[in-house]
Amino acid sequence: MYNGKYFITPIFFVKWREIEFSSQLNRLLEAGEKVLWSGKPVKVPFMFPGLRIIPFGLFFMGFSIIWMWVASQAPGFFWLFGLIFFFIGFAVSFGAPIRQLMAYKNTEYMITNRRIITQTGAIGLETRFLDLDKIQEVYVQISFLDRMFGTGTLFAVTAGYIYSDRYGASMRPSFAALKEPYEVQKILQEAIRRKTMA
């Protein structure tokens, strides 16, 4: 039920602006499954991992330009080899931020009365499901950047579950760059408690 400001479930009052982000994930819901919370990350802290590599790429580009200028003093076209490193620096500087921006547009989080659902991806989509009764611990991590933007990352720790991305890095299921991480943590913990009591 919607009262103009909040989306009301039997358990929680959730801001409507967060529920409206769930459109892409609603198609994944099972019969009888109810949405308790849904939302997206905050843009700047979510994109920061892609932004912090920009200075290194710009340095690489600058070094390549200087090298090409020095090499151009010699006869021939040897200086053209510097273009390879210039474009590598360009890709490092702007490739990661563009990828992170594309991933932001596709990233959504959802908590239901049965599980958590996360979806992200720059080109393709990576969707994960985790049943509530498999979650052992829920905690929030606040980084220095999170303190600046009032955000945090919510982690769901499971027993015997190891998640790996395509690069082999292990990851816990997480909701990154949340605006109100402790409120979402309460919602998830209450959902887990009710699931285990059912």
N, C-alpha and C. Protein backbone atom coordinates (compact mmCIF):
# COMPACT_ATOMS: atom_id res chain seq x y z
N MET A 1 0.85 -1.19 0.00
CA MET A 1 0.00 0.00 0.00
C MET A 1 0.88 1.23 0.00
N TYR A 2 0.46 2.27 -0.70
CA TYR A 2 1.25 3.50 -0.83
C TYR A 2 0.43 4.67 -0.29
N ASN A 3 0.98 5.38 0.69
CA ASN A 3 0.25 6.47 1.32
C ASN A 3 0.73 7.85 0.90
N GLY A 4 1.47 7.93 -0.20
CA GLY A 4 1.96 9.21 -0.70
C GLY A 4 3.40 9.48 -0.38
N LYS A 5 3.93 8.83 0.65
CA LYS A 5 5.33 9.04 1.02
C LYS A 5 6.07 7.73 1.26
N TYR A 6 5.38 6.73 1.81
CA TYR A 6 6.03 5.49 2.16
C TYR A 6 5.33 4.30 1.53
N PHE A 7 6.12 3.30 1.22
CA PHE A 7 5.60 2.02 0.77
C PHE A 7 5.45 1.17 2.02
N ILE A 8 4.26 0.68 2.31
CA ILE A 8 3.98 0.00 3.57
C ILE A 8 3.89 -1.50 3.36
N THR A 9 4.70 -2.25 4.09
CA THR A 9 4.60 -3.69 4.13
C THR A 9 4.10 -4.06 5.52
N PRO A 10 3.77 -5.33 5.79
CA PRO A 10 3.35 -5.70 7.13
C PRO A 10 4.41 -5.47 8.19
N ILE A 11 5.68 -5.26 7.77
CA ILE A 11 6.76 -5.13 8.74
C ILE A 11 7.35 -3.73 8.76
N PHE A 12 7.51 -3.12 7.59
CA PHE A 12 8.35 -1.95 7.49
C PHE A 12 7.65 -0.79 6.78
N PHE A 13 8.18 0.40 7.02
CA PHE A 13 7.87 1.59 6.24
C PHE A 13 9.11 1.91 5.42
N VAL A 14 8.99 1.83 4.11
CA VAL A 14 10.13 2.04 3.24
C VAL A 14 9.84 3.21 2.31
N LYS A 15 10.81 4.09 2.13
CA LYS A 15 10.60 5.25 1.28
C LYS A 15 10.27 4.84 -0.14
N TRP A 16 9.25 5.46 -0.72
CA TRP A 16 8.77 5.11 -2.05
C TRP A 16 9.82 5.33 -3.11
N ARG A 17 10.68 6.32 -2.96
CA ARG A 17 11.70 6.60 -3.97
C ARG A 17 12.65 5.41 -4.12
N GLU A 18 12.79 4.57 -3.07
CA GLU A 18 13.63 3.39 -3.18
C GLU A 18 12.90 2.25 -3.89
N ILE A 19 11.60 2.11 -3.62
CA ILE A 19 10.85 1.03 -4.23
C ILE A 19 10.76 1.19 -5.74
N GLU A 20 10.72 2.42 -6.24
CA GLU A 20 10.54 2.62 -7.66
C GLU A 20 11.74 2.16 -8.48
N PHE A 21 12.88 1.88 -7.82
CA PHE A 21 14.05 1.37 -8.53
C PHE A 21 13.93 -0.13 -8.82
N SER A 22 12.94 -0.80 -8.27
CA SER A 22 12.90 -2.26 -8.32
C SER A 22 12.30 -2.81 -9.61
N SER A 23 11.96 -1.97 -10.57
CA SER A 23 11.24 -2.42 -11.75
C SER A 23 11.94 -3.57 -12.48
N GLN A 24 13.25 -3.51 -12.62
CA GLN A 24 13.95 -4.56 -13.36
C GLN A 24 14.01 -5.87 -12.59
N LEU A 25 13.97 -5.80 -11.27
CA LEU A 25 14.08 -7.00 -10.46
C LEU A 25 12.72 -7.63 -10.16
N ASN A 26 11.65 -6.89 -10.33
CA ASN A 26 10.32 -7.43 -10.04
C ASN A 26 10.01 -8.66 -10.87
N ARG A 27 10.56 -8.73 -12.07
CA ARG A 27 10.27 -9.87 -12.94
C ARG A 27 10.88 -11.16 -12.40
N LEU A 28 11.80 -11.04 -11.43
CA LEU A 28 12.47 -12.21 -10.88
C LEU A 28 11.77 -12.76 -9.64
N LEU A 29 10.75 -12.07 -9.17
CA LEU A 29 10.06 -12.49 -7.95
C LEU A 29 9.26 -13.76 -8.18
N GLU A 30 9.23 -14.58 -7.15
CA GLU A 30 8.45 -15.80 -7.19
C GLU A 30 7.03 -15.55 -6.67
N ALA A 31 6.16 -16.50 -6.88
CA ALA A 31 4.78 -16.36 -6.40
C ALA A 31 4.77 -16.24 -4.88
N GLY A 32 4.10 -15.23 -4.37
CA GLY A 32 4.01 -15.02 -2.94
C GLY A 32 5.18 -14.28 -2.33
N GLU A 33 6.15 -13.95 -3.12
CA GLU A 33 7.33 -13.23 -2.61
C GLU A 33 7.03 -11.74 -2.51
N LYS A 34 7.38 -11.13 -1.37
CA LYS A 34 7.07 -9.72 -1.12
C LYS A 34 8.35 -8.89 -1.01
N VAL A 35 8.33 -7.72 -1.60
CA VAL A 35 9.48 -6.82 -1.54
C VAL A 35 9.44 -6.03 -0.24
N LEU A 36 10.53 -6.12 0.54
CA LEU A 36 10.64 -5.37 1.79
C LEU A 36 11.45 -4.09 1.61
N TRP A 37 12.40 -4.14 0.69
CA TRP A 37 13.23 -2.96 0.39
C TRP A 37 13.85 -3.14 -0.98
N SER A 38 14.01 -2.03 -1.68
CA SER A 38 14.68 -2.06 -2.98
C SER A 38 15.32 -0.70 -3.23
N GLY A 39 16.49 -0.69 -3.84
CA GLY A 39 17.15 0.59 -4.10
C GLY A 39 18.39 0.46 -4.96
N LYS A 40 19.04 1.61 -5.19
CA LYS A 40 20.26 1.70 -5.98
C LYS A 40 21.35 2.33 -5.12
N PRO A 41 22.61 2.15 -5.51
CA PRO A 41 23.70 2.82 -4.79
C PRO A 41 23.74 4.31 -5.09
N VAL A 42 24.43 5.05 -4.23
CA VAL A 42 24.68 6.46 -4.48
C VAL A 42 25.78 6.56 -5.54
N LYS A 43 25.60 7.44 -6.50
CA LYS A 43 26.42 7.43 -7.71
C LYS A 43 27.91 7.66 -7.48
N VAL A 44 28.30 8.75 -6.81
CA VAL A 44 29.71 9.11 -6.70
C VAL A 44 30.52 8.07 -5.92
N PRO A 45 30.12 7.68 -4.70
CA PRO A 45 30.92 6.67 -4.00
C PRO A 45 30.93 5.32 -4.70
N PHE A 46 29.87 4.99 -5.44
CA PHE A 46 29.86 3.74 -6.19
C PHE A 46 30.87 3.77 -7.33
N MET A 47 31.01 4.94 -7.97
CA MET A 47 31.90 5.08 -9.11
C MET A 47 33.35 5.31 -8.73
N PHE A 48 33.62 5.60 -7.46
CA PHE A 48 34.97 5.99 -7.05
C PHE A 48 36.05 4.97 -7.40
N PRO A 49 35.79 3.64 -7.27
CA PRO A 49 36.84 2.68 -7.66
C PRO A 49 37.30 2.87 -9.10
N GLY A 50 36.44 3.33 -9.99
CA GLY A 50 36.84 3.58 -11.37
C GLY A 50 37.49 4.93 -11.55
N LEU A 51 37.23 5.88 -10.63
CA LEU A 51 37.78 7.23 -10.76
C LEU A 51 39.20 7.35 -10.22
N ARG A 52 39.53 6.55 -9.21
CA ARG A 52 40.82 6.72 -8.56
C ARG A 52 42.00 6.32 -9.43
N ILE A 53 41.75 5.60 -10.53
CA ILE A 53 42.84 5.19 -11.42
C ILE A 53 43.15 6.25 -12.47
N ILE A 54 42.31 7.29 -12.56
CA ILE A 54 42.50 8.33 -13.58
C ILE A 54 43.87 9.01 -13.48
N PRO A 55 44.35 9.42 -12.29
CA PRO A 55 45.67 10.08 -12.23
C PRO A 55 46.79 9.23 -12.81
N PHE A 56 46.75 7.92 -12.56
CA PHE A 56 47.80 7.04 -13.10
C PHE A 56 47.75 7.04 -14.62
N GLY A 57 46.54 6.95 -15.18
CA GLY A 57 46.40 6.96 -16.63
C GLY A 57 46.85 8.27 -17.25
N LEU A 58 46.52 9.40 -16.60
CA LEU A 58 46.93 10.70 -17.11
C LEU A 58 48.45 10.85 -17.07
N PHE A 59 49.07 10.33 -16.01
CA PHE A 59 50.53 10.36 -15.92
C PHE A 59 51.14 9.56 -17.07
N PHE A 60 50.56 8.40 -17.36
CA PHE A 60 51.04 7.55 -18.44
C PHE A 60 50.90 8.26 -19.78
N MET A 61 49.78 8.97 -19.98
CA MET A 61 49.57 9.72 -21.22
C MET A 61 50.58 10.86 -21.34
N GLY A 62 50.80 11.57 -20.24
CA GLY A 62 51.76 12.67 -20.26
C GLY A 62 53.16 12.20 -20.57
N PHE A 63 53.57 11.10 -19.95
CA PHE A 63 54.89 10.54 -20.21
C PHE A 63 55.02 10.15 -21.68
N SER A 64 53.95 9.57 -22.26
CA SER A 64 53.97 9.16 -23.67
C SER A 64 54.12 10.35 -24.59
N ILE A 65 53.44 11.44 -24.26
CA ILE A 65 53.54 12.65 -25.10
C ILE A 65 54.96 13.21 -25.08
N ILE A 66 55.56 13.26 -23.89
CA ILE A 66 56.94 13.76 -23.78
C ILE A 66 57.89 12.85 -24.55
N TRP A 67 57.69 11.52 -24.41
CA TRP A 67 58.55 10.58 -25.13
C TRP A 67 58.42 10.76 -26.62
N MET A 68 57.20 10.94 -27.14
CA MET A 68 57.00 11.12 -28.57
C MET A 68 57.63 12.42 -29.06
N TRP A 69 57.57 13.46 -28.22
CA TRP A 69 58.17 14.74 -28.61
C TRP A 69 59.69 14.61 -28.73
N VAL A 70 60.30 13.92 -27.77
CA VAL A 70 61.75 13.71 -27.81
C VAL A 70 62.12 12.82 -29.00
N ALA A 71 61.34 11.74 -29.20
CA ALA A 71 61.64 10.81 -30.29
C ALA A 71 61.42 11.44 -31.66
N SER A 72 60.56 12.43 -31.74
CA SER A 72 60.30 13.07 -33.03
C SER A 72 61.48 13.89 -33.52
N GLN A 73 62.42 14.18 -32.64
CA GLN A 73 63.61 14.93 -33.04
C GLN A 73 64.53 14.08 -33.92
N ALA A 74 64.38 12.77 -33.81
CA ALA A 74 65.19 11.86 -34.62
C ALA A 74 64.50 11.62 -35.96
N PRO A 75 65.25 11.29 -36.98
CA PRO A 75 64.64 11.03 -38.30
C PRO A 75 63.79 9.75 -38.27
N GLY A 76 62.84 9.69 -39.15
CA GLY A 76 62.00 8.50 -39.25
C GLY A 76 60.72 8.63 -38.43
N PHE A 77 60.05 7.52 -38.30
CA PHE A 77 58.74 7.51 -37.64
C PHE A 77 58.76 6.69 -36.36
N PHE A 78 59.93 6.63 -35.73
CA PHE A 78 60.05 5.87 -34.48
C PHE A 78 59.13 6.41 -33.40
N TRP A 79 58.87 7.72 -33.44
CA TRP A 79 58.04 8.35 -32.41
C TRP A 79 56.60 7.81 -32.41
N LEU A 80 56.18 7.21 -33.51
CA LEU A 80 54.81 6.69 -33.59
C LEU A 80 54.56 5.55 -32.61
N PHE A 81 55.64 4.87 -32.19
CA PHE A 81 55.46 3.81 -31.20
C PHE A 81 54.90 4.36 -29.89
N GLY A 82 55.13 5.63 -29.63
CA GLY A 82 54.61 6.24 -28.42
C GLY A 82 53.09 6.29 -28.39
N LEU A 83 52.46 6.24 -29.57
CA LEU A 83 51.00 6.28 -29.62
C LEU A 83 50.39 5.06 -28.93
N ILE A 84 51.10 3.94 -28.99
CA ILE A 84 50.60 2.73 -28.33
C ILE A 84 50.43 2.99 -26.84
N PHE A 85 51.46 3.56 -26.22
CA PHE A 85 51.41 3.82 -24.79
C PHE A 85 50.44 4.96 -24.46
N PHE A 86 50.30 5.90 -25.39
CA PHE A 86 49.34 6.98 -25.18
C PHE A 86 47.92 6.42 -25.08
N PHE A 87 47.58 5.53 -26.00
CA PHE A 87 46.23 4.97 -26.00
C PHE A 87 46.01 4.01 -24.83
N ILE A 88 47.08 3.37 -24.37
CA ILE A 88 46.96 2.55 -23.15
C ILE A 88 46.62 3.45 -21.97
N GLY A 89 47.32 4.58 -21.87
CA GLY A 89 47.02 5.53 -20.80
C GLY A 89 45.62 6.09 -20.90
N PHE A 90 45.17 6.33 -22.13
CA PHE A 90 43.81 6.85 -22.35
C PHE A 90 42.78 5.82 -21.89
N ALA A 91 43.02 4.56 -22.24
CA ALA A 91 42.09 3.50 -21.85
C ALA A 91 42.04 3.33 -20.33
N VAL A 92 43.22 3.44 -19.70
CA VAL A 92 43.28 3.33 -18.24
C VAL A 92 42.53 4.48 -17.58
N SER A 93 42.70 5.69 -18.13
CA SER A 93 42.08 6.88 -17.53
C SER A 93 40.57 6.90 -17.66
N PHE A 94 40.06 6.52 -18.81
CA PHE A 94 38.63 6.71 -19.08
C PHE A 94 37.86 5.40 -19.25
N GLY A 95 38.58 4.28 -19.45
CA GLY A 95 37.88 3.01 -19.60
C GLY A 95 37.18 2.57 -18.33
N ALA A 96 37.91 2.60 -17.20
CA ALA A 96 37.34 2.17 -15.93
C ALA A 96 36.18 3.06 -15.48
N PRO A 97 36.29 4.40 -15.55
CA PRO A 97 35.14 5.23 -15.17
C PRO A 97 33.91 4.99 -16.04
N ILE A 98 34.11 4.80 -17.34
CA ILE A 98 32.97 4.54 -18.23
C ILE A 98 32.33 3.21 -17.87
N ARG A 99 33.16 2.21 -17.61
CA ARG A 99 32.64 0.90 -17.22
C ARG A 99 31.86 1.00 -15.91
N GLN A 100 32.39 1.76 -14.95
CA GLN A 100 31.72 1.89 -13.66
C GLN A 100 30.40 2.64 -13.80
N LEU A 101 30.37 3.64 -14.69
CA LEU A 101 29.13 4.38 -14.93
C LEU A 101 28.07 3.46 -15.54
N MET A 102 28.48 2.63 -16.49
CA MET A 102 27.55 1.69 -17.10
C MET A 102 27.04 0.68 -16.07
N ALA A 103 27.95 0.26 -15.17
CA ALA A 103 27.56 -0.68 -14.12
C ALA A 103 26.58 -0.02 -13.15
N TYR A 104 26.79 1.27 -12.86
CA TYR A 104 25.87 1.98 -11.96
C TYR A 104 24.45 1.97 -12.48
N LYS A 105 24.30 2.19 -13.78
CA LYS A 105 22.96 2.24 -14.37
C LYS A 105 22.25 0.89 -14.25
N ASN A 106 23.01 -0.20 -14.18
CA ASN A 106 22.42 -1.53 -14.12
C ASN A 106 22.37 -2.12 -12.72
N THR A 107 22.88 -1.38 -11.74
CA THR A 107 22.99 -1.93 -10.39
C THR A 107 21.73 -1.65 -9.57
N GLU A 108 21.17 -2.70 -9.02
CA GLU A 108 19.99 -2.62 -8.16
C GLU A 108 20.11 -3.64 -7.04
N TYR A 109 19.50 -3.33 -5.91
CA TYR A 109 19.50 -4.23 -4.77
C TYR A 109 18.05 -4.45 -4.33
N MET A 110 17.78 -5.63 -3.81
CA MET A 110 16.43 -5.92 -3.33
C MET A 110 16.48 -6.89 -2.16
N ILE A 111 15.62 -6.63 -1.18
CA ILE A 111 15.41 -7.54 -0.06
C ILE A 111 13.94 -7.96 -0.10
N THR A 112 13.69 -9.25 -0.10
CA THR A 112 12.32 -9.75 -0.05
C THR A 112 12.14 -10.56 1.24
N ASN A 113 10.97 -11.08 1.43
CA ASN A 113 10.71 -11.90 2.61
C ASN A 113 11.34 -13.29 2.50
N ARG A 114 12.02 -13.58 1.37
CA ARG A 114 12.66 -14.88 1.18
C ARG A 114 14.16 -14.81 0.92
N ARG A 115 14.64 -13.72 0.30
CA ARG A 115 16.03 -13.68 -0.15
C ARG A 115 16.47 -12.25 -0.44
N ILE A 116 17.76 -12.11 -0.73
CA ILE A 116 18.26 -10.84 -1.25
C ILE A 116 18.65 -11.07 -2.71
N ILE A 117 18.47 -10.03 -3.51
CA ILE A 117 18.78 -10.09 -4.94
C ILE A 117 19.66 -8.91 -5.27
N THR A 118 20.76 -9.16 -5.95
CA THR A 118 21.63 -8.08 -6.43
C THR A 118 21.83 -8.23 -7.93
N GLN A 119 21.86 -7.10 -8.60
CA GLN A 119 22.10 -7.11 -10.04
C GLN A 119 23.05 -5.98 -10.41
N THR A 120 24.04 -6.29 -11.22
CA THR A 120 24.98 -5.28 -11.67
C THR A 120 25.60 -5.75 -12.99
N GLY A 121 26.43 -4.92 -13.59
CA GLY A 121 27.10 -5.28 -14.84
C GLY A 121 27.20 -4.09 -15.76
N ALA A 122 28.34 -3.98 -16.44
CA ALA A 122 28.56 -2.87 -17.37
C ALA A 122 27.92 -3.14 -18.72
N ILE A 123 28.21 -4.29 -19.30
CA ILE A 123 27.65 -4.65 -20.61
C ILE A 123 26.62 -5.76 -20.42
N GLY A 124 27.06 -6.88 -19.89
CA GLY A 124 26.11 -7.93 -19.52
C GLY A 124 25.60 -7.68 -18.11
N LEU A 125 24.68 -8.51 -17.66
CA LEU A 125 24.12 -8.39 -16.32
C LEU A 125 24.51 -9.60 -15.49
N GLU A 126 24.87 -9.34 -14.24
CA GLU A 126 25.20 -10.39 -13.28
C GLU A 126 24.19 -10.30 -12.14
N THR A 127 23.33 -11.29 -12.02
CA THR A 127 22.27 -11.29 -11.02
C THR A 127 22.51 -12.41 -10.03
N ARG A 128 22.45 -12.09 -8.73
CA ARG A 128 22.71 -13.07 -7.69
C ARG A 128 21.53 -13.14 -6.73
N PHE A 129 21.31 -14.35 -6.22
CA PHE A 129 20.23 -14.60 -5.27
C PHE A 129 20.83 -15.27 -4.03
N LEU A 130 20.38 -14.84 -2.88
CA LEU A 130 20.84 -15.45 -1.63
C LEU A 130 19.66 -15.58 -0.67
N ASP A 131 19.33 -16.83 -0.33
CA ASP A 131 18.22 -17.07 0.59
C ASP A 131 18.54 -16.52 1.97
N LEU A 132 17.53 -15.98 2.63
CA LEU A 132 17.74 -15.36 3.94
C LEU A 132 18.21 -16.37 4.98
N ASP A 133 17.74 -17.62 4.90
CA ASP A 133 18.11 -18.59 5.93
C ASP A 133 19.55 -19.08 5.79
N LYS A 134 20.26 -18.64 4.76
CA LYS A 134 21.67 -18.99 4.60
C LYS A 134 22.60 -17.89 5.10
N ILE A 135 22.04 -16.77 5.49
CA ILE A 135 22.85 -15.64 5.96
C ILE A 135 23.16 -15.82 7.44
N GLN A 136 24.46 -15.78 7.78
CA GLN A 136 24.91 -15.96 9.16
C GLN A 136 25.12 -14.64 9.89
N GLU A 137 25.50 -13.62 9.15
CA GLU A 137 25.82 -12.33 9.77
C GLU A 137 25.58 -11.20 8.78
N VAL A 138 25.14 -10.07 9.30
CA VAL A 138 24.93 -8.87 8.49
C VAL A 138 25.67 -7.72 9.16
N TYR A 139 26.56 -7.08 8.42
CA TYR A 139 27.28 -5.94 9.01
C TYR A 139 27.50 -4.84 7.99
N VAL A 140 27.78 -3.65 8.50
CA VAL A 140 27.97 -2.46 7.66
C VAL A 140 29.42 -2.01 7.76
N GLN A 141 29.99 -1.65 6.62
CA GLN A 141 31.35 -1.12 6.58
C GLN A 141 31.30 0.31 6.05
N ILE A 142 31.90 1.22 6.81
CA ILE A 142 31.92 2.64 6.44
C ILE A 142 33.36 3.06 6.16
N SER A 143 33.66 3.41 4.92
CA SER A 143 35.01 3.86 4.55
C SER A 143 35.12 5.37 4.72
N PHE A 144 36.33 5.88 4.51
CA PHE A 144 36.53 7.34 4.59
C PHE A 144 35.66 8.06 3.57
N LEU A 145 35.59 7.52 2.37
CA LEU A 145 34.75 8.12 1.33
C LEU A 145 33.27 8.06 1.73
N ASP A 146 32.86 6.95 2.33
CA ASP A 146 31.49 6.82 2.78
C ASP A 146 31.14 7.90 3.82
N ARG A 147 32.07 8.22 4.69
CA ARG A 147 31.83 9.26 5.69
C ARG A 147 31.55 10.60 5.02
N MET A 148 32.21 10.86 3.91
CA MET A 148 32.02 12.12 3.19
C MET A 148 30.63 12.21 2.57
N PHE A 149 30.09 11.07 2.13
CA PHE A 149 28.82 11.07 1.41
C PHE A 149 27.67 10.49 2.23
N GLY A 150 27.96 10.08 3.45
CA GLY A 150 26.91 9.52 4.29
C GLY A 150 26.41 8.18 3.80
N THR A 151 27.30 7.38 3.23
CA THR A 151 26.92 6.08 2.68
C THR A 151 27.67 4.96 3.40
N GLY A 152 27.43 3.73 2.98
CA GLY A 152 28.11 2.58 3.54
C GLY A 152 27.80 1.35 2.72
N THR A 153 28.55 0.28 2.98
CA THR A 153 28.34 -0.98 2.28
C THR A 153 27.81 -2.01 3.26
N LEU A 154 26.74 -2.67 2.87
CA LEU A 154 26.13 -3.71 3.69
C LEU A 154 26.60 -5.08 3.20
N PHE A 155 27.15 -5.89 4.11
CA PHE A 155 27.63 -7.23 3.76
C PHE A 155 26.75 -8.29 4.39
N ALA A 156 26.48 -9.33 3.62
CA ALA A 156 25.76 -10.50 4.12
C ALA A 156 26.73 -11.67 4.11
N VAL A 157 27.07 -12.17 5.29
CA VAL A 157 28.06 -13.24 5.41
C VAL A 157 27.34 -14.57 5.50
N THR A 158 27.79 -15.53 4.71
CA THR A 158 27.17 -16.85 4.69
C THR A 158 28.16 -17.92 5.13
N ALA A 159 27.65 -19.06 5.52
CA ALA A 159 28.49 -20.18 5.92
C ALA A 159 28.65 -21.13 4.74
N GLY A 160 29.90 -21.36 4.35
CA GLY A 160 30.17 -22.32 3.29
C GLY A 160 29.94 -21.79 1.88
N TYR A 161 29.70 -20.46 1.76
CA TYR A 161 29.48 -19.88 0.43
C TYR A 161 30.66 -18.99 0.08
N ILE A 162 31.26 -19.24 -1.07
CA ILE A 162 32.35 -18.41 -1.58
C ILE A 162 31.95 -17.89 -2.94
N TYR A 163 31.96 -16.56 -3.09
CA TYR A 163 31.61 -15.94 -4.36
C TYR A 163 32.88 -15.45 -5.04
N SER A 164 32.99 -15.70 -6.32
CA SER A 164 34.15 -15.24 -7.09
C SER A 164 33.67 -14.55 -8.34
N ASP A 165 34.33 -13.44 -8.66
CA ASP A 165 34.01 -12.77 -9.92
C ASP A 165 34.83 -13.39 -11.03
N ARG A 166 34.73 -12.85 -12.23
CA ARG A 166 35.42 -13.43 -13.39
C ARG A 166 36.93 -13.31 -13.30
N TYR A 167 37.42 -12.46 -12.36
CA TYR A 167 38.86 -12.30 -12.20
C TYR A 167 39.40 -13.15 -11.06
N GLY A 168 38.52 -13.93 -10.44
CA GLY A 168 38.97 -14.83 -9.39
C GLY A 168 38.97 -14.21 -8.00
N ALA A 169 38.54 -12.97 -7.86
CA ALA A 169 38.53 -12.31 -6.56
C ALA A 169 37.31 -12.75 -5.76
N SER A 170 37.53 -13.16 -4.50
CA SER A 170 36.42 -13.59 -3.68
C SER A 170 35.65 -12.38 -3.17
N MET A 171 34.34 -12.54 -3.06
CA MET A 171 33.50 -11.43 -2.63
C MET A 171 32.38 -11.95 -1.75
N ARG A 172 32.02 -11.20 -0.72
CA ARG A 172 30.82 -11.48 0.03
C ARG A 172 29.66 -10.77 -0.66
N PRO A 173 28.45 -11.32 -0.58
CA PRO A 173 27.30 -10.59 -1.12
C PRO A 173 27.18 -9.24 -0.44
N SER A 174 27.05 -8.17 -1.20
CA SER A 174 27.06 -6.84 -0.60
C SER A 174 26.16 -5.88 -1.37
N PHE A 175 25.70 -4.88 -0.62
CA PHE A 175 24.99 -3.73 -1.18
C PHE A 175 25.93 -2.54 -1.01
N ALA A 176 26.59 -2.11 -2.07
CA ALA A 176 27.60 -1.07 -1.98
C ALA A 176 27.00 0.32 -2.09
N ALA A 177 27.62 1.28 -1.40
CA ALA A 177 27.29 2.70 -1.50
C ALA A 177 25.82 3.00 -1.19
N LEU A 178 25.32 2.42 -0.10
CA LEU A 178 23.95 2.67 0.31
C LEU A 178 23.84 4.01 1.03
N LYS A 179 22.73 4.71 0.83
CA LYS A 179 22.53 6.00 1.47
C LYS A 179 22.25 5.85 2.96
N GLU A 180 21.46 4.88 3.34
CA GLU A 180 21.13 4.66 4.75
C GLU A 180 21.43 3.20 5.10
N PRO A 181 22.70 2.85 5.19
CA PRO A 181 23.07 1.43 5.35
C PRO A 181 22.54 0.80 6.63
N TYR A 182 22.51 1.56 7.73
CA TYR A 182 22.06 0.96 8.99
C TYR A 182 20.56 0.69 8.99
N GLU A 183 19.81 1.52 8.29
CA GLU A 183 18.38 1.27 8.16
C GLU A 183 18.12 0.02 7.33
N VAL A 184 18.88 -0.13 6.25
CA VAL A 184 18.74 -1.33 5.42
C VAL A 184 19.19 -2.56 6.19
N GLN A 185 20.23 -2.40 7.02
CA GLN A 185 20.69 -3.51 7.85
C GLN A 185 19.57 -3.98 8.79
N LYS A 186 18.85 -3.04 9.40
CA LYS A 186 17.75 -3.40 10.29
C LYS A 186 16.66 -4.17 9.54
N ILE A 187 16.35 -3.70 8.33
CA ILE A 187 15.33 -4.37 7.53
C ILE A 187 15.74 -5.80 7.22
N LEU A 188 17.00 -5.98 6.83
CA LEU A 188 17.48 -7.32 6.49
C LEU A 188 17.53 -8.21 7.71
N GLN A 189 18.01 -7.70 8.82
CA GLN A 189 18.09 -8.51 10.04
C GLN A 189 16.70 -8.94 10.51
N GLU A 190 15.73 -8.04 10.43
CA GLU A 190 14.37 -8.38 10.83
C GLU A 190 13.78 -9.43 9.88
N ALA A 191 14.07 -9.29 8.59
CA ALA A 191 13.58 -10.27 7.62
C ALA A 191 14.18 -11.65 7.88
N ILE A 192 15.46 -11.68 8.23
CA ILE A 192 16.13 -12.95 8.56
C ILE A 192 15.51 -13.57 9.81
N ARG A 193 15.28 -12.73 10.82
CA ARG A 193 14.69 -13.22 12.07
C ARG A 193 13.32 -13.84 11.82
N ARG A 194 12.48 -13.16 11.04
CA ARG A 194 11.16 -13.69 10.76
C ARG A 194 11.20 -14.95 9.89
N LYS A 195 12.19 -14.99 9.00
CA LYS A 195 12.34 -16.17 8.15
C LYS A 195 12.72 -17.39 8.98
N THR A 196 13.63 -17.22 9.93
CA THR A 196 14.08 -18.34 10.76
C THR A 196 13.01 -18.79 11.74
N MET A 197 12.12 -17.86 12.13
CA MET A 197 11.05 -18.19 13.07
C MET A 197 9.85 -18.85 12.38
N ALA A 198 9.76 -18.68 11.05
CA ALA A 198 8.60 -19.21 10.32
C ALA A 198 8.60 -20.74 10.27
